[in-house]
């Protein structure tokens, strides 16, 4: 099941993406959020405020979500079923 994330960037613009788990296209729905994930790929990202650290890779849904949390304001995230 894909993970749908709704959030805002520091400038207040909103986004909604699906985290796909696909290394070639980790998020769908916002080119800005996709660029943010691509920009930080390969960096160590804490999965929670206290860790553990994981290297950000497009196929790692947890690390992609952690990057969105670290670099934007995630308002909601939920699993969605395929139709």
PDB file of N, CA and C in Angstrom:
ATOM      1  N   UNK A   1       0.837  -1.174   0.000  1.00  0.00           N
ATOM      2  CA  UNK A   1       0.000   0.000   0.000  1.00  0.00           C
ATOM      3  C   UNK A   1       0.888   1.246   0.000  1.00  0.00           C
ATOM      4  N   UNK A   2       0.603   2.162  -0.892  1.00  0.00           N
ATOM      5  CA  UNK A   2       1.387   3.409  -0.907  1.00  0.00           C
ATOM      6  C   UNK A   2       1.098   4.250   0.334  1.00  0.00           C
ATOM      7  N   UNK A   3       2.051   5.079   0.652  1.00  0.00           N
ATOM      8  CA  UNK A   3       1.920   6.011   1.766  1.00  0.00           C
ATOM      9  C   UNK A   3       1.654   7.380   1.177  1.00  0.00           C
ATOM     10  N   UNK A   4       0.553   8.023   1.576  1.00  0.00           N
ATOM     11  CA  UNK A   4       0.215   9.364   1.119  1.00  0.00           C
ATOM     12  C   UNK A   4       0.603  10.352   2.212  1.00  0.00           C
ATOM     13  N   UNK A   5       1.343  11.380   1.813  1.00  0.00           N
ATOM     14  CA  UNK A   5       1.851  12.370   2.760  1.00  0.00           C
ATOM     15  C   UNK A   5       1.371  13.748   2.324  1.00  0.00           C
ATOM     16  N   UNK A   6       0.840  14.508   3.276  1.00  0.00           N
ATOM     17  CA  UNK A   6       0.440  15.894   3.051  1.00  0.00           C
ATOM     18  C   UNK A   6       1.308  16.766   3.953  1.00  0.00           C
ATOM     19  N   UNK A   7       1.817  17.863   3.393  1.00  0.00           N
ATOM     20  CA  UNK A   7       2.665  18.737   4.186  1.00  0.00           C
ATOM     21  C   UNK A   7       2.806  20.113   3.575  1.00  0.00           C
ATOM     22  N   UNK A   8       3.654  20.911   4.195  1.00  0.00           N
ATOM     23  CA  UNK A   8       3.958  22.247   3.698  1.00  0.00           C
ATOM     24  C   UNK A   8       5.463  22.475   3.755  1.00  0.00           C
ATOM     25  N   UNK A   9       5.929  23.341   2.870  1.00  0.00           N
ATOM     26  CA  UNK A   9       7.326  23.759   2.885  1.00  0.00           C
ATOM     27  C   UNK A   9       7.450  25.009   3.746  1.00  0.00           C
ATOM     28  N   UNK A  10       8.692  25.434   3.997  1.00  0.00           N
ATOM     29  CA  UNK A  10       8.935  26.596   4.860  1.00  0.00           C
ATOM     30  C   UNK A  10       8.238  27.860   4.371  1.00  0.00           C
ATOM     31  N   UNK A  11       8.042  27.985   3.057  1.00  0.00           N
ATOM     32  CA  UNK A  11       7.389  29.185   2.525  1.00  0.00           C
ATOM     33  C   UNK A  11       5.859  29.100   2.576  1.00  0.00           C
ATOM     34  N   UNK A  12       5.330  28.004   3.131  1.00  0.00           N
ATOM     35  CA  UNK A  12       3.887  27.853   3.286  1.00  0.00           C
ATOM     36  C   UNK A  12       3.195  27.120   2.160  1.00  0.00           C
ATOM     37  N   UNK A  13       3.897  26.833   1.063  1.00  0.00           N
ATOM     38  CA  UNK A  13       3.242  26.114  -0.030  1.00  0.00           C
ATOM     39  C   UNK A  13       3.010  24.658   0.363  1.00  0.00           C
ATOM     40  N   UNK A  14       1.836  24.171   0.018  1.00  0.00           N
ATOM     41  CA  UNK A  14       1.413  22.831   0.408  1.00  0.00           C
ATOM     42  C   UNK A  14       1.758  21.815  -0.662  1.00  0.00           C
ATOM     43  N   UNK A  15       1.867  20.566  -0.235  1.00  0.00           N
ATOM     44  CA  UNK A  15       2.091  19.473  -1.178  1.00  0.00           C
ATOM     45  C   UNK A  15       1.384  18.223  -0.672  1.00  0.00           C
ATOM     46  N   UNK A  16       1.109  17.329  -1.605  1.00  0.00           N
ATOM     47  CA  UNK A  16       0.626  15.992  -1.269  1.00  0.00           C
ATOM     48  C   UNK A  16       1.324  15.039  -2.221  1.00  0.00           C
ATOM     49  N   UNK A  17       1.939  13.999  -1.670  1.00  0.00           N
ATOM     50  CA  UNK A  17       2.675  13.030  -2.474  1.00  0.00           C
ATOM     51  C   UNK A  17       2.332  11.625  -2.027  1.00  0.00           C
ATOM     52  N   UNK A  18       2.616  10.694  -2.915  1.00  0.00           N
ATOM     53  CA  UNK A  18       2.603   9.285  -2.560  1.00  0.00           C
ATOM     54  C   UNK A  18       4.043   8.814  -2.561  1.00  0.00           C
ATOM     55  N   UNK A  19       4.453   8.170  -1.489  1.00  0.00           N
ATOM     56  CA  UNK A  19       5.773   7.553  -1.420  1.00  0.00           C
ATOM     57  C   UNK A  19       5.618   6.170  -2.042  1.00  0.00           C
ATOM     58  N   UNK A  20       6.355   5.928  -3.117  1.00  0.00           N
ATOM     59  CA  UNK A  20       6.128   4.748  -3.940  1.00  0.00           C
ATOM     60  C   UNK A  20       6.977   3.539  -3.571  1.00  0.00           C
ATOM     61  N   UNK A  21       8.154   3.754  -2.993  1.00  0.00           N
ATOM     62  CA  UNK A  21       9.079   2.650  -2.764  1.00  0.00           C
ATOM     63  C   UNK A  21       9.881   2.301  -3.994  1.00  0.00           C
ATOM     64  N   UNK A  22       9.674   3.041  -5.082  1.00  0.00           N
ATOM     65  CA  UNK A  22      10.398   2.842  -6.339  1.00  0.00           C
ATOM     66  C   UNK A  22      11.670   3.683  -6.302  1.00  0.00           C
ATOM     67  N   UNK A  23      12.841   3.057  -6.397  1.00  0.00           N
ATOM     68  CA  UNK A  23      14.085   3.831  -6.327  1.00  0.00           C
ATOM     69  C   UNK A  23      14.218   4.893  -7.417  1.00  0.00           C
ATOM     70  N   UNK A  24      13.605   4.664  -8.581  1.00  0.00           N
ATOM     71  CA  UNK A  24      13.709   5.616  -9.680  1.00  0.00           C
ATOM     72  C   UNK A  24      12.729   6.780  -9.554  1.00  0.00           C
ATOM     73  N   UNK A  25      11.672   6.579  -8.819  1.00  0.00           N
ATOM     74  CA  UNK A  25      10.654   7.621  -8.627  1.00  0.00           C
ATOM     75  C   UNK A  25      10.056   7.486  -7.226  1.00  0.00           C
ATOM     76  N   UNK A  26      10.802   7.959  -6.217  1.00  0.00           N
ATOM     77  CA  UNK A  26      10.385   7.711  -4.837  1.00  0.00           C
ATOM     78  C   UNK A  26       9.098   8.399  -4.413  1.00  0.00           C
ATOM     79  N   UNK A  27       8.795   9.566  -4.991  1.00  0.00           N
ATOM     80  CA  UNK A  27       7.540  10.248  -4.666  1.00  0.00           C
ATOM     81  C   UNK A  27       6.849  10.693  -5.946  1.00  0.00           C
ATOM     82  N   UNK A  28       5.524  10.655  -5.898  1.00  0.00           N
ATOM     83  CA  UNK A  28       4.695  11.103  -7.019  1.00  0.00           C
ATOM     84  C   UNK A  28       3.754  12.171  -6.482  1.00  0.00           C
ATOM     85  N   UNK A  29       3.612  13.265  -7.217  1.00  0.00           N
ATOM     86  CA  UNK A  29       2.606  14.254  -6.865  1.00  0.00           C
ATOM     87  C   UNK A  29       3.137  15.666  -6.711  1.00  0.00           C
ATOM     88  N   UNK A  30       4.380  15.832  -6.357  1.00  0.00           N
ATOM     89  CA  UNK A  30       4.953  17.166  -6.195  1.00  0.00           C
ATOM     90  C   UNK A  30       6.391  17.126  -6.696  1.00  0.00           C
ATOM     91  N   UNK A  31       6.665  17.919  -7.724  1.00  0.00           N
ATOM     92  CA  UNK A  31       8.034  17.946  -8.242  1.00  0.00           C
ATOM     93  C   UNK A  31       8.982  18.558  -7.217  1.00  0.00           C
ATOM     94  N   UNK A  32       8.483  19.467  -6.417  1.00  0.00           N
ATOM     95  CA  UNK A  32       9.336  20.084  -5.395  1.00  0.00           C
ATOM     96  C   UNK A  32       9.713  19.075  -4.308  1.00  0.00           C
ATOM     97  N   UNK A  33       8.766  18.272  -3.872  1.00  0.00           N
ATOM     98  CA  UNK A  33       9.064  17.235  -2.877  1.00  0.00           C
ATOM     99  C   UNK A  33       9.993  16.177  -3.481  1.00  0.00           C
ATOM    100  N   UNK A  34       9.772  15.835  -4.740  1.00  0.00           N
ATOM    101  CA  UNK A  34      10.647  14.873  -5.408  1.00  0.00           C
ATOM    102  C   UNK A  34      12.072  15.411  -5.492  1.00  0.00           C
ATOM    103  N   UNK A  35      12.219  16.696  -5.798  1.00  0.00           N
ATOM    104  CA  UNK A  35      13.541  17.318  -5.870  1.00  0.00           C
ATOM    105  C   UNK A  35      14.202  17.335  -4.496  1.00  0.00           C
ATOM    106  N   UNK A  36      13.422  17.566  -3.445  1.00  0.00           N
ATOM    107  CA  UNK A  36      13.957  17.564  -2.094  1.00  0.00           C
ATOM    108  C   UNK A  36      14.535  16.190  -1.755  1.00  0.00           C
ATOM    109  N   UNK A  37      13.802  15.131  -2.083  1.00  0.00           N
ATOM    110  CA  UNK A  37      14.276  13.772  -1.815  1.00  0.00           C
ATOM    111  C   UNK A  37      15.530  13.493  -2.632  1.00  0.00           C
ATOM    112  N   UNK A  38      15.518  13.869  -3.901  1.00  0.00           N
ATOM    113  CA  UNK A  38      16.681  13.646  -4.759  1.00  0.00           C
ATOM    114  C   UNK A  38      17.900  14.429  -4.262  1.00  0.00           C
ATOM    115  N   UNK A  39      17.691  15.653  -3.825  1.00  0.00           N
ATOM    116  CA  UNK A  39      18.775  16.498  -3.338  1.00  0.00           C
ATOM    117  C   UNK A  39      19.492  15.872  -2.136  1.00  0.00           C
ATOM    118  N   UNK A  40      18.743  15.227  -1.268  1.00  0.00           N
ATOM    119  CA  UNK A  40      19.317  14.681  -0.039  1.00  0.00           C
ATOM    120  C   UNK A  40      19.618  13.184  -0.127  1.00  0.00           C
ATOM    121  N   UNK A  41      19.445  12.573  -1.295  1.00  0.00           N
ATOM    122  CA  UNK A  41      19.748  11.146  -1.470  1.00  0.00           C
ATOM    123  C   UNK A  41      21.203  10.879  -1.092  1.00  0.00           C
ATOM    124  N   UNK A  42      21.399   9.800  -0.376  1.00  0.00           N
ATOM    125  CA  UNK A  42      22.739   9.425   0.057  1.00  0.00           C
ATOM    126  C   UNK A  42      23.143   9.995   1.403  1.00  0.00           C
ATOM    127  N   UNK A  43      22.388  10.953   1.934  1.00  0.00           N
ATOM    128  CA  UNK A  43      22.671  11.523   3.246  1.00  0.00           C
ATOM    129  C   UNK A  43      22.108  10.616   4.341  1.00  0.00           C
ATOM    130  N   UNK A  44      22.697  10.706   5.519  1.00  0.00           N
ATOM    131  CA  UNK A  44      22.160  10.001   6.678  1.00  0.00           C
ATOM    132  C   UNK A  44      21.009  10.807   7.243  1.00  0.00           C
ATOM    133  N   UNK A  45      19.869  10.156   7.397  1.00  0.00           N
ATOM    134  CA  UNK A  45      18.647  10.797   7.873  1.00  0.00           C
ATOM    135  C   UNK A  45      18.184  10.057   9.128  1.00  0.00           C
ATOM    136  N   UNK A  46      17.901  10.784  10.219  1.00  0.00           N
ATOM    137  CA  UNK A  46      17.349  10.095  11.393  1.00  0.00           C
ATOM    138  C   UNK A  46      15.889   9.700  11.133  1.00  0.00           C
ATOM    139  N   UNK A  47      15.555   8.445  11.408  1.00  0.00           N
ATOM    140  CA  UNK A  47      14.179   7.988  11.189  1.00  0.00           C
ATOM    141  C   UNK A  47      13.222   8.573  12.220  1.00  0.00           C
ATOM    142  N   UNK A  48      13.729   8.864  13.403  1.00  0.00           N
ATOM    143  CA  UNK A  48      12.965   9.523  14.462  1.00  0.00           C
ATOM    144  C   UNK A  48      13.853  10.624  15.034  1.00  0.00           C
ATOM    145  N   UNK A  49      13.320  11.492  15.854  1.00  0.00           N
ATOM    146  CA  UNK A  49      14.161  12.560  16.397  1.00  0.00           C
ATOM    147  C   UNK A  49      15.410  12.060  17.137  1.00  0.00           C
ATOM    148  N   UNK A  50      15.362  10.860  17.679  1.00  0.00           N
ATOM    149  CA  UNK A  50      16.508  10.324  18.414  1.00  0.00           C
ATOM    150  C   UNK A  50      17.251   9.230  17.653  1.00  0.00           C
ATOM    151  N   UNK A  51      16.891   9.001  16.392  1.00  0.00           N
ATOM    152  CA  UNK A  51      17.570   7.980  15.588  1.00  0.00           C
ATOM    153  C   UNK A  51      16.710   6.761  15.458  1.00  0.00           C
ATOM    154  N   UNK A  52      17.142   5.750  14.818  1.00  0.00           N
ATOM    155  CA  UNK A  52      18.455   5.508  14.232  1.00  0.00           C
ATOM    156  C   UNK A  52      18.622   6.243  12.903  1.00  0.00           C
ATOM    157  N   UNK A  53      19.877   6.339  12.458  1.00  0.00           N
ATOM    158  CA  UNK A  53      20.173   6.958  11.169  1.00  0.00           C
ATOM    159  C   UNK A  53      20.050   5.915  10.062  1.00  0.00           C
ATOM    160  N   UNK A  54      19.603   6.383   8.911  1.00  0.00           N
ATOM    161  CA  UNK A  54      19.546   5.526   7.728  1.00  0.00           C
ATOM    162  C   UNK A  54      19.914   6.379   6.532  1.00  0.00           C
ATOM    163  N   UNK A  55      20.637   5.787   5.602  1.00  0.00           N
ATOM    164  CA  UNK A  55      21.000   6.496   4.380  1.00  0.00           C
ATOM    165  C   UNK A  55      19.764   6.639   3.507  1.00  0.00           C
ATOM    166  N   UNK A  56      19.494   7.863   3.069  1.00  0.00           N
ATOM    167  CA  UNK A  56      18.321   8.130   2.249  1.00  0.00           C
ATOM    168  C   UNK A  56      18.498   7.530   0.864  1.00  0.00           C
ATOM    169  N   UNK A  57      17.623   6.604   0.532  1.00  0.00           N
ATOM    170  CA  UNK A  57      17.576   5.980  -0.787  1.00  0.00           C
ATOM    171  C   UNK A  57      16.125   5.995  -1.241  1.00  0.00           C
ATOM    172  N   UNK A  58      15.904   6.186  -2.530  1.00  0.00           N
ATOM    173  CA  UNK A  58      14.555   6.307  -3.066  1.00  0.00           C
ATOM    174  C   UNK A  58      13.665   5.117  -2.810  1.00  0.00           C
ATOM    175  N   UNK A  59      14.236   3.938  -2.704  1.00  0.00           N
ATOM    176  CA  UNK A  59      13.448   2.730  -2.487  1.00  0.00           C
ATOM    177  C   UNK A  59      13.095   2.479  -1.032  1.00  0.00           C
ATOM    178  N   UNK A  60      13.604   3.282  -0.132  1.00  0.00           N
ATOM    179  CA  UNK A  60      13.377   3.110   1.299  1.00  0.00           C
ATOM    180  C   UNK A  60      12.267   4.062   1.752  1.00  0.00           C
ATOM    181  N   UNK A  61      11.051   3.550   1.844  1.00  0.00           N
ATOM    182  CA  UNK A  61       9.900   4.395   2.172  1.00  0.00           C
ATOM    183  C   UNK A  61      10.061   5.108   3.514  1.00  0.00           C
ATOM    184  N   UNK A  62      10.598   4.420   4.505  1.00  0.00           N
ATOM    185  CA  UNK A  62      10.761   5.032   5.826  1.00  0.00           C
ATOM    186  C   UNK A  62      11.750   6.196   5.775  1.00  0.00           C
ATOM    187  N   UNK A  63      12.841   6.031   5.041  1.00  0.00           N
ATOM    188  CA  UNK A  63      13.840   7.100   4.938  1.00  0.00           C
ATOM    189  C   UNK A  63      13.297   8.281   4.137  1.00  0.00           C
ATOM    190  N   UNK A  64      12.511   8.019   3.102  1.00  0.00           N
ATOM    191  CA  UNK A  64      11.909   9.105   2.323  1.00  0.00           C
ATOM    192  C   UNK A  64      10.948   9.896   3.207  1.00  0.00           C
ATOM    193  N   UNK A  65      10.128   9.208   3.981  1.00  0.00           N
ATOM    194  CA  UNK A  65       9.214   9.893   4.902  1.00  0.00           C
ATOM    195  C   UNK A  65      10.006  10.697   5.930  1.00  0.00           C
ATOM    196  N   UNK A  66      11.072  10.133   6.455  1.00  0.00           N
ATOM    197  CA  UNK A  66      11.905  10.843   7.441  1.00  0.00           C
ATOM    198  C   UNK A  66      12.509  12.108   6.829  1.00  0.00           C
ATOM    199  N   UNK A  67      12.931  12.041   5.571  1.00  0.00           N
ATOM    200  CA  UNK A  67      13.487  13.220   4.904  1.00  0.00           C
ATOM    201  C   UNK A  67      12.419  14.295   4.736  1.00  0.00           C
ATOM    202  N   UNK A  68      11.218  13.901   4.352  1.00  0.00           N
ATOM    203  CA  UNK A  68      10.132  14.875   4.230  1.00  0.00           C
ATOM    204  C   UNK A  68       9.836  15.506   5.585  1.00  0.00           C
ATOM    205  N   UNK A  69       9.877  14.706   6.651  1.00  0.00           N
ATOM    206  CA  UNK A  69       9.648  15.250   7.992  1.00  0.00           C
ATOM    207  C   UNK A  69      10.749  16.220   8.404  1.00  0.00           C
ATOM    208  N   UNK A  70      11.990  15.903   8.010  1.00  0.00           N
ATOM    209  CA  UNK A  70      13.112  16.740   8.421  1.00  0.00           C
ATOM    210  C   UNK A  70      13.156  18.061   7.665  1.00  0.00           C
ATOM    211  N   UNK A  71      12.809  18.049   6.388  1.00  0.00           N
ATOM    212  CA  UNK A  71      12.986  19.232   5.549  1.00  0.00           C
ATOM    213  C   UNK A  71      11.681  19.944   5.195  1.00  0.00           C
ATOM    214  N   UNK A  72      10.558  19.473   5.723  1.00  0.00           N
ATOM    215  CA  UNK A  72       9.275  20.148   5.524  1.00  0.00           C
ATOM    216  C   UNK A  72       8.401  19.851   6.738  1.00  0.00           C
ATOM    217  N   UNK A  73       7.221  20.418   6.746  1.00  0.00           N
ATOM    218  CA  UNK A  73       6.279  20.203   7.840  1.00  0.00           C
ATOM    219  C   UNK A  73       5.249  19.177   7.385  1.00  0.00           C
ATOM    220  N   UNK A  74       5.416  17.926   7.792  1.00  0.00           N
ATOM    221  CA  UNK A  74       4.454  16.884   7.435  1.00  0.00           C
ATOM    222  C   UNK A  74       3.244  17.029   8.338  1.00  0.00           C
ATOM    223  N   UNK A  75       2.086  17.213   7.706  1.00  0.00           N
ATOM    224  CA  UNK A  75       0.839  17.406   8.443  1.00  0.00           C
ATOM    225  C   UNK A  75       0.152  16.072   8.692  1.00  0.00           C
ATOM    226  N   UNK A  76       0.172  15.213   7.685  1.00  0.00           N
ATOM    227  CA  UNK A  76      -0.534  13.933   7.786  1.00  0.00           C
ATOM    228  C   UNK A  76       0.164  12.919   6.896  1.00  0.00           C
ATOM    229  N   UNK A  77       0.193  11.669   7.347  1.00  0.00           N
ATOM    230  CA  UNK A  77       0.626  10.588   6.487  1.00  0.00           C
ATOM    231  C   UNK A  77      -0.270   9.378   6.785  1.00  0.00           C
ATOM    232  N   UNK A  78      -0.666   8.714   5.715  1.00  0.00           N
ATOM    233  CA  UNK A  78      -1.566   7.564   5.887  1.00  0.00           C
ATOM    234  C   UNK A  78      -1.339   6.563   4.757  1.00  0.00           C
ATOM    235  N   UNK A  79      -1.579   5.334   5.050  1.00  0.00           N
ATOM    236  CA  UNK A  79      -1.510   4.266   4.047  1.00  0.00           C
ATOM    237  C   UNK A  79      -2.799   4.284   3.250  1.00  0.00           C
ATOM    238  N   UNK A  80      -2.671   4.096   1.956  1.00  0.00           N
ATOM    239  CA  UNK A  80      -3.853   4.062   1.103  1.00  0.00           C
ATOM    240  C   UNK A  80      -3.881   2.759   0.325  1.00  0.00           C
ATOM    241  N   UNK A  81      -5.037   2.199   0.188  1.00  0.00           N
ATOM    242  CA  UNK A  81      -5.189   0.943  -0.549  1.00  0.00           C
ATOM    243  C   UNK A  81      -5.308   1.249  -2.038  1.00  0.00           C
ATOM    244  N   UNK A  82      -4.812   0.321  -2.835  1.00  0.00           N
ATOM    245  CA  UNK A  82      -4.990   0.454  -4.285  1.00  0.00           C
ATOM    246  C   UNK A  82      -6.458   0.188  -4.609  1.00  0.00           C
ATOM    247  N   UNK A  83      -7.012   0.921  -5.583  1.00  0.00           N
ATOM    248  CA  UNK A  83      -8.425   0.698  -5.937  1.00  0.00           C
ATOM    249  C   UNK A  83      -8.645  -0.658  -6.563  1.00  0.00           C
TER     250      UNK A  83
END
